[in-house]
Amino acid sequence: MARVKRGTKRRARRKKILRRTKGFFLTKSKLYQSAQEAVNRAERFSFRDRRVRKRQFRKLWIQRIGAAARNAGMSYSTLMHGLKAAGVDIDRKMLSDIAVKDAAGFTQLAEQAKASLAAAKAKA
């Protein structure tokens, strides 16, 4: 049976890893073993942090909505409860965008939430 040396296959596999480490520091971008470890680590972080990014953005949106709600004279939770009771179906991303870019529009939404809560309280 013929001896297999894997010249081109091995080189191609190593070059693929080394291309992915462009810009890494010192041996992590030059030596195959270090580069392979760095790529594996980077892939783990990128996989994890794609989910973490979603959490961080949701936290940011809630903080922005909460700050705008306090300016309108209510807490975040009462605002969200009032909007739900009023039947306003708007997600936190859009609500925070309105709070940042359109203060008058957000104030109208807050007033709508207050009125809905007052009506619910009067009914009970």
N, C-alpha and C. Protein backbone atom coordinates (compact mmCIF):
# COMPACT_ATOMS: atom_id res chain seq x y z
N MET A 1 0.84 -1.19 0.00
CA MET A 1 0.00 0.00 0.00
C MET A 1 0.88 1.24 0.00
N ALA A 2 0.44 2.29 -0.69
CA ALA A 2 1.23 3.51 -0.83
C ALA A 2 1.24 4.31 0.47
N ARG A 3 2.34 5.00 0.69
CA ARG A 3 2.49 5.84 1.86
C ARG A 3 1.77 7.17 1.63
N VAL A 4 0.98 7.60 2.61
CA VAL A 4 0.23 8.86 2.48
C VAL A 4 0.97 9.94 3.23
N LYS A 5 1.34 11.02 2.52
CA LYS A 5 2.08 12.10 3.15
C LYS A 5 1.23 13.32 3.48
N ARG A 6 0.09 13.43 2.83
CA ARG A 6 -0.88 14.50 3.11
C ARG A 6 -0.33 15.90 2.91
N GLY A 7 0.54 16.09 1.97
CA GLY A 7 1.18 17.40 1.78
C GLY A 7 0.18 18.52 1.55
N THR A 8 -0.62 18.44 0.52
CA THR A 8 -1.52 19.56 0.20
C THR A 8 -2.68 19.64 1.17
N LYS A 9 -3.21 18.52 1.60
CA LYS A 9 -4.33 18.53 2.54
C LYS A 9 -3.93 19.16 3.87
N ARG A 10 -2.77 18.77 4.37
CA ARG A 10 -2.31 19.30 5.65
C ARG A 10 -2.06 20.81 5.53
N ARG A 11 -1.42 21.21 4.47
CA ARG A 11 -1.12 22.63 4.27
C ARG A 11 -2.42 23.44 4.16
N ALA A 12 -3.38 22.90 3.44
CA ALA A 12 -4.65 23.61 3.27
C ALA A 12 -5.38 23.76 4.62
N ARG A 13 -5.36 22.71 5.42
CA ARG A 13 -6.02 22.76 6.73
C ARG A 13 -5.36 23.78 7.64
N ARG A 14 -4.03 23.80 7.61
CA ARG A 14 -3.30 24.74 8.46
C ARG A 14 -3.47 26.18 7.99
N LYS A 15 -3.45 26.37 6.68
CA LYS A 15 -3.63 27.72 6.15
C LYS A 15 -5.02 28.26 6.49
N LYS A 16 -6.01 27.38 6.50
CA LYS A 16 -7.37 27.80 6.83
C LYS A 16 -7.43 28.34 8.26
N ILE A 17 -6.75 27.66 9.18
CA ILE A 17 -6.70 28.12 10.57
C ILE A 17 -5.91 29.42 10.66
N LEU A 18 -4.77 29.48 10.00
CA LEU A 18 -3.92 30.67 10.09
C LEU A 18 -4.58 31.90 9.45
N ARG A 19 -5.40 31.69 8.44
CA ARG A 19 -6.12 32.83 7.86
C ARG A 19 -7.10 33.42 8.86
N ARG A 20 -7.68 32.57 9.69
CA ARG A 20 -8.67 33.04 10.67
C ARG A 20 -8.04 33.78 11.83
N THR A 21 -6.70 33.66 11.99
CA THR A 21 -6.03 34.31 13.12
C THR A 21 -5.33 35.59 12.69
N LYS A 22 -5.67 36.10 11.52
CA LYS A 22 -5.05 37.34 11.06
C LYS A 22 -5.37 38.45 12.07
N GLY A 23 -4.36 39.13 12.54
CA GLY A 23 -4.55 40.20 13.51
C GLY A 23 -4.37 39.74 14.95
N PHE A 24 -4.22 38.44 15.20
CA PHE A 24 -3.99 37.97 16.56
C PHE A 24 -2.55 38.30 16.95
N PHE A 25 -2.27 38.28 18.24
CA PHE A 25 -1.00 38.74 18.77
C PHE A 25 0.05 37.64 18.79
N LEU A 26 1.24 37.98 18.36
CA LEU A 26 2.44 37.14 18.40
C LEU A 26 2.21 35.75 17.80
N THR A 27 2.51 34.68 18.56
CA THR A 27 2.49 33.33 17.99
C THR A 27 1.08 32.86 17.65
N LYS A 28 0.07 33.52 18.22
CA LYS A 28 -1.30 33.09 17.94
C LYS A 28 -1.67 33.26 16.46
N SER A 29 -0.94 34.11 15.76
CA SER A 29 -1.22 34.29 14.34
C SER A 29 -0.14 33.65 13.46
N LYS A 30 0.90 33.05 14.08
CA LYS A 30 2.03 32.53 13.29
C LYS A 30 2.17 31.00 13.38
N LEU A 31 2.03 30.48 14.59
CA LEU A 31 2.27 29.05 14.81
C LEU A 31 0.94 28.30 14.83
N TYR A 32 0.93 27.16 14.18
CA TYR A 32 -0.32 26.43 13.97
C TYR A 32 -0.99 26.04 15.28
N GLN A 33 -0.23 25.45 16.21
CA GLN A 33 -0.84 24.96 17.44
C GLN A 33 -1.45 26.11 18.25
N SER A 34 -0.69 27.18 18.40
CA SER A 34 -1.20 28.35 19.14
C SER A 34 -2.39 28.96 18.41
N ALA A 35 -2.31 29.00 17.09
CA ALA A 35 -3.39 29.57 16.29
C ALA A 35 -4.66 28.74 16.43
N GLN A 36 -4.51 27.43 16.43
CA GLN A 36 -5.66 26.54 16.56
C GLN A 36 -6.36 26.75 17.90
N GLU A 37 -5.57 26.86 18.96
CA GLU A 37 -6.14 27.10 20.28
C GLU A 37 -6.85 28.45 20.34
N ALA A 38 -6.23 29.46 19.72
CA ALA A 38 -6.82 30.79 19.73
C ALA A 38 -8.13 30.83 18.94
N VAL A 39 -8.17 30.12 17.82
CA VAL A 39 -9.39 30.08 17.01
C VAL A 39 -10.50 29.37 17.76
N ASN A 40 -10.19 28.25 18.39
CA ASN A 40 -11.20 27.52 19.16
C ASN A 40 -11.76 28.38 20.28
N ARG A 41 -10.88 29.09 20.96
CA ARG A 41 -11.30 29.98 22.05
C ARG A 41 -12.18 31.11 21.52
N ALA A 42 -11.75 31.70 20.41
CA ALA A 42 -12.51 32.80 19.82
C ALA A 42 -13.89 32.34 19.37
N GLU A 43 -13.98 31.13 18.83
CA GLU A 43 -15.27 30.61 18.41
C GLU A 43 -16.20 30.37 19.59
N ARG A 44 -15.63 29.89 20.70
CA ARG A 44 -16.46 29.69 21.90
C ARG A 44 -17.02 31.02 22.39
N PHE A 45 -16.14 32.05 22.45
CA PHE A 45 -16.58 33.36 22.91
C PHE A 45 -17.62 33.94 21.96
N SER A 46 -17.41 33.81 20.65
CA SER A 46 -18.36 34.42 19.72
C SER A 46 -19.71 33.73 19.79
N PHE A 47 -19.72 32.42 19.99
CA PHE A 47 -20.98 31.68 20.13
C PHE A 47 -21.72 32.14 21.38
N ARG A 48 -21.00 32.22 22.49
CA ARG A 48 -21.61 32.63 23.75
C ARG A 48 -22.09 34.08 23.68
N ASP A 49 -21.25 34.94 23.11
CA ASP A 49 -21.55 36.36 23.16
C ASP A 49 -22.61 36.80 22.17
N ARG A 50 -22.94 35.95 21.20
CA ARG A 50 -24.10 36.28 20.36
C ARG A 50 -25.36 36.27 21.20
N ARG A 51 -25.42 35.41 22.20
CA ARG A 51 -26.56 35.39 23.10
C ARG A 51 -26.47 36.48 24.15
N VAL A 52 -25.25 36.74 24.65
CA VAL A 52 -25.05 37.78 25.66
C VAL A 52 -25.43 39.15 25.10
N ARG A 53 -25.12 39.37 23.81
CA ARG A 53 -25.45 40.65 23.18
C ARG A 53 -26.94 40.93 23.25
N LYS A 54 -27.75 39.90 23.05
CA LYS A 54 -29.20 40.06 23.11
C LYS A 54 -29.64 40.48 24.51
N ARG A 55 -29.02 39.87 25.53
CA ARG A 55 -29.34 40.24 26.91
C ARG A 55 -28.97 41.69 27.20
N GLN A 56 -27.77 42.07 26.74
CA GLN A 56 -27.29 43.42 27.02
C GLN A 56 -28.17 44.48 26.36
N PHE A 57 -28.61 44.21 25.13
CA PHE A 57 -29.47 45.17 24.46
C PHE A 57 -30.81 45.29 25.17
N ARG A 58 -31.36 44.15 25.62
CA ARG A 58 -32.63 44.21 26.34
C ARG A 58 -32.48 45.03 27.62
N LYS A 59 -31.37 44.85 28.34
CA LYS A 59 -31.11 45.64 29.54
C LYS A 59 -31.04 47.13 29.21
N LEU A 60 -30.36 47.46 28.11
CA LEU A 60 -30.23 48.86 27.70
C LEU A 60 -31.60 49.46 27.38
N TRP A 61 -32.42 48.71 26.64
CA TRP A 61 -33.75 49.21 26.28
C TRP A 61 -34.58 49.46 27.53
N ILE A 62 -34.51 48.53 28.49
CA ILE A 62 -35.29 48.67 29.71
C ILE A 62 -34.82 49.88 30.51
N GLN A 63 -33.51 50.12 30.56
CA GLN A 63 -32.99 51.30 31.26
C GLN A 63 -33.48 52.59 30.62
N ARG A 64 -33.46 52.63 29.30
CA ARG A 64 -33.91 53.84 28.59
C ARG A 64 -35.40 54.08 28.82
N ILE A 65 -36.18 53.00 28.74
CA ILE A 65 -37.63 53.14 28.95
C ILE A 65 -37.90 53.57 30.39
N GLY A 66 -37.17 52.99 31.34
CA GLY A 66 -37.35 53.34 32.74
C GLY A 66 -37.03 54.80 33.02
N ALA A 67 -35.95 55.31 32.41
CA ALA A 67 -35.58 56.71 32.61
C ALA A 67 -36.65 57.63 32.03
N ALA A 68 -37.15 57.29 30.84
CA ALA A 68 -38.19 58.12 30.22
C ALA A 68 -39.49 58.02 31.00
N ALA A 69 -39.78 56.85 31.55
CA ALA A 69 -41.00 56.68 32.34
C ALA A 69 -40.93 57.51 33.61
N ARG A 70 -39.76 57.55 34.25
CA ARG A 70 -39.62 58.37 35.46
C ARG A 70 -39.80 59.85 35.13
N ASN A 71 -39.33 60.28 33.96
CA ASN A 71 -39.56 61.67 33.54
C ASN A 71 -41.05 61.93 33.33
N ALA A 72 -41.79 60.91 32.95
CA ALA A 72 -43.24 61.04 32.74
C ALA A 72 -44.01 60.83 34.05
N GLY A 73 -43.31 60.56 35.14
CA GLY A 73 -43.95 60.47 36.45
C GLY A 73 -44.46 59.10 36.83
N MET A 74 -43.87 58.05 36.27
CA MET A 74 -44.26 56.69 36.64
C MET A 74 -43.06 55.78 36.57
N SER A 75 -43.20 54.58 37.14
CA SER A 75 -42.10 53.63 37.11
C SER A 75 -42.18 52.79 35.83
N TYR A 76 -41.12 52.07 35.58
CA TYR A 76 -41.06 51.21 34.39
C TYR A 76 -42.18 50.16 34.43
N SER A 77 -42.33 49.52 35.59
CA SER A 77 -43.29 48.42 35.67
C SER A 77 -44.73 48.92 35.51
N THR A 78 -45.04 50.09 36.11
CA THR A 78 -46.41 50.61 35.95
C THR A 78 -46.65 51.04 34.51
N LEU A 79 -45.64 51.58 33.86
CA LEU A 79 -45.78 51.97 32.45
C LEU A 79 -46.07 50.74 31.59
N MET A 80 -45.29 49.69 31.78
CA MET A 80 -45.48 48.48 30.97
C MET A 80 -46.84 47.85 31.25
N HIS A 81 -47.24 47.84 32.52
CA HIS A 81 -48.55 47.29 32.88
C HIS A 81 -49.67 48.11 32.25
N GLY A 82 -49.52 49.43 32.31
CA GLY A 82 -50.53 50.32 31.73
C GLY A 82 -50.64 50.17 30.22
N LEU A 83 -49.49 50.02 29.56
CA LEU A 83 -49.50 49.84 28.10
C LEU A 83 -50.18 48.52 27.73
N LYS A 84 -49.91 47.49 28.52
CA LYS A 84 -50.53 46.20 28.25
C LYS A 84 -52.03 46.28 28.47
N ALA A 85 -52.43 46.96 29.53
CA ALA A 85 -53.86 47.11 29.82
C ALA A 85 -54.55 47.95 28.74
N ALA A 86 -53.81 48.91 28.16
CA ALA A 86 -54.39 49.77 27.12
C ALA A 86 -54.42 49.07 25.76
N GLY A 87 -53.78 47.92 25.68
CA GLY A 87 -53.76 47.18 24.42
C GLY A 87 -52.71 47.68 23.44
N VAL A 88 -51.73 48.41 23.96
CA VAL A 88 -50.63 48.90 23.11
C VAL A 88 -49.60 47.79 23.01
N ASP A 89 -49.49 47.22 21.83
CA ASP A 89 -48.58 46.09 21.62
C ASP A 89 -47.33 46.59 20.92
N ILE A 90 -46.36 47.05 21.73
CA ILE A 90 -45.12 47.58 21.18
C ILE A 90 -43.97 46.98 21.98
N ASP A 91 -42.93 46.53 21.27
CA ASP A 91 -41.84 45.87 21.97
C ASP A 91 -40.88 46.88 22.59
N ARG A 92 -40.00 46.40 23.45
CA ARG A 92 -39.12 47.27 24.21
C ARG A 92 -38.12 48.00 23.32
N LYS A 93 -37.70 47.36 22.25
CA LYS A 93 -36.75 48.00 21.34
C LYS A 93 -37.37 49.26 20.72
N MET A 94 -38.58 49.13 20.21
CA MET A 94 -39.25 50.27 19.59
C MET A 94 -39.60 51.32 20.64
N LEU A 95 -40.03 50.87 21.81
CA LEU A 95 -40.40 51.80 22.87
C LEU A 95 -39.20 52.63 23.32
N SER A 96 -38.03 52.00 23.42
CA SER A 96 -36.84 52.75 23.82
C SER A 96 -36.41 53.70 22.72
N ASP A 97 -36.60 53.31 21.47
CA ASP A 97 -36.27 54.19 20.35
C ASP A 97 -37.17 55.43 20.39
N ILE A 98 -38.46 55.22 20.67
CA ILE A 98 -39.38 56.35 20.79
C ILE A 98 -38.98 57.24 21.97
N ALA A 99 -38.58 56.61 23.08
CA ALA A 99 -38.19 57.38 24.27
C ALA A 99 -36.98 58.25 23.99
N VAL A 100 -36.05 57.76 23.19
CA VAL A 100 -34.82 58.52 22.89
C VAL A 100 -35.07 59.59 21.84
N LYS A 101 -35.79 59.23 20.78
CA LYS A 101 -35.89 60.13 19.62
C LYS A 101 -37.14 60.98 19.58
N ASP A 102 -38.20 60.56 20.27
CA ASP A 102 -39.47 61.27 20.19
C ASP A 102 -40.09 61.36 21.59
N ALA A 103 -39.63 62.35 22.36
CA ALA A 103 -40.08 62.47 23.74
C ALA A 103 -41.58 62.77 23.82
N ALA A 104 -42.09 63.57 22.89
CA ALA A 104 -43.51 63.91 22.92
C ALA A 104 -44.37 62.68 22.65
N GLY A 105 -43.95 61.86 21.72
CA GLY A 105 -44.67 60.62 21.43
C GLY A 105 -44.66 59.68 22.62
N PHE A 106 -43.50 59.61 23.31
CA PHE A 106 -43.42 58.74 24.49
C PHE A 106 -44.33 59.26 25.60
N THR A 107 -44.40 60.58 25.74
CA THR A 107 -45.28 61.16 26.76
C THR A 107 -46.74 60.80 26.48
N GLN A 108 -47.12 60.81 25.21
CA GLN A 108 -48.49 60.42 24.85
C GLN A 108 -48.76 58.96 25.22
N LEU A 109 -47.78 58.09 24.96
CA LEU A 109 -47.94 56.69 25.35
C LEU A 109 -48.06 56.55 26.86
N ALA A 110 -47.25 57.33 27.60
CA ALA A 110 -47.30 57.27 29.06
C ALA A 110 -48.66 57.74 29.57
N GLU A 111 -49.20 58.78 28.96
CA GLU A 111 -50.53 59.28 29.35
C GLU A 111 -51.61 58.23 29.06
N GLN A 112 -51.46 57.56 27.94
CA GLN A 112 -52.40 56.49 27.59
C GLN A 112 -52.34 55.37 28.63
N ALA A 113 -51.11 55.03 29.06
CA ALA A 113 -50.95 53.99 30.07
C ALA A 113 -51.56 54.42 31.40
N LYS A 114 -51.35 55.69 31.78
CA LYS A 114 -51.92 56.20 33.03
C LYS A 114 -53.45 56.15 32.98
N ALA A 115 -54.02 56.57 31.85
CA ALA A 115 -55.47 56.56 31.73
C ALA A 115 -56.02 55.14 31.81
N SER A 116 -55.34 54.22 31.21
CA SER A 116 -55.77 52.81 31.24
C SER A 116 -55.72 52.26 32.66
N LEU A 117 -54.67 52.60 33.39
CA LEU A 117 -54.57 52.14 34.78
C LEU A 117 -55.66 52.77 35.65
N ALA A 118 -55.94 54.06 35.42
CA ALA A 118 -56.98 54.73 36.19
C ALA A 118 -58.34 54.12 35.91
N ALA A 119 -58.60 53.78 34.62
CA ALA A 119 -59.87 53.15 34.27
C ALA A 119 -59.99 51.77 34.91
N ALA A 120 -58.90 51.02 34.93
CA ALA A 120 -58.91 49.69 35.53
C ALA A 120 -59.14 49.78 37.03
N LYS A 121 -58.55 50.81 37.65
CA LYS A 121 -58.70 50.99 39.10
C LYS A 121 -60.15 51.41 39.43
N ALA A 122 -60.73 52.26 38.59
CA ALA A 122 -62.11 52.71 38.82
C ALA A 122 -63.09 51.55 38.65
N LYS A 123 -62.78 50.66 37.70
CA LYS A 123 -63.66 49.52 37.45
C LYS A 123 -63.65 48.54 38.62
N ALA A 124 -62.50 48.41 39.28
CA ALA A 124 -62.36 47.42 40.35
C ALA A 124 -62.91 47.87 41.67
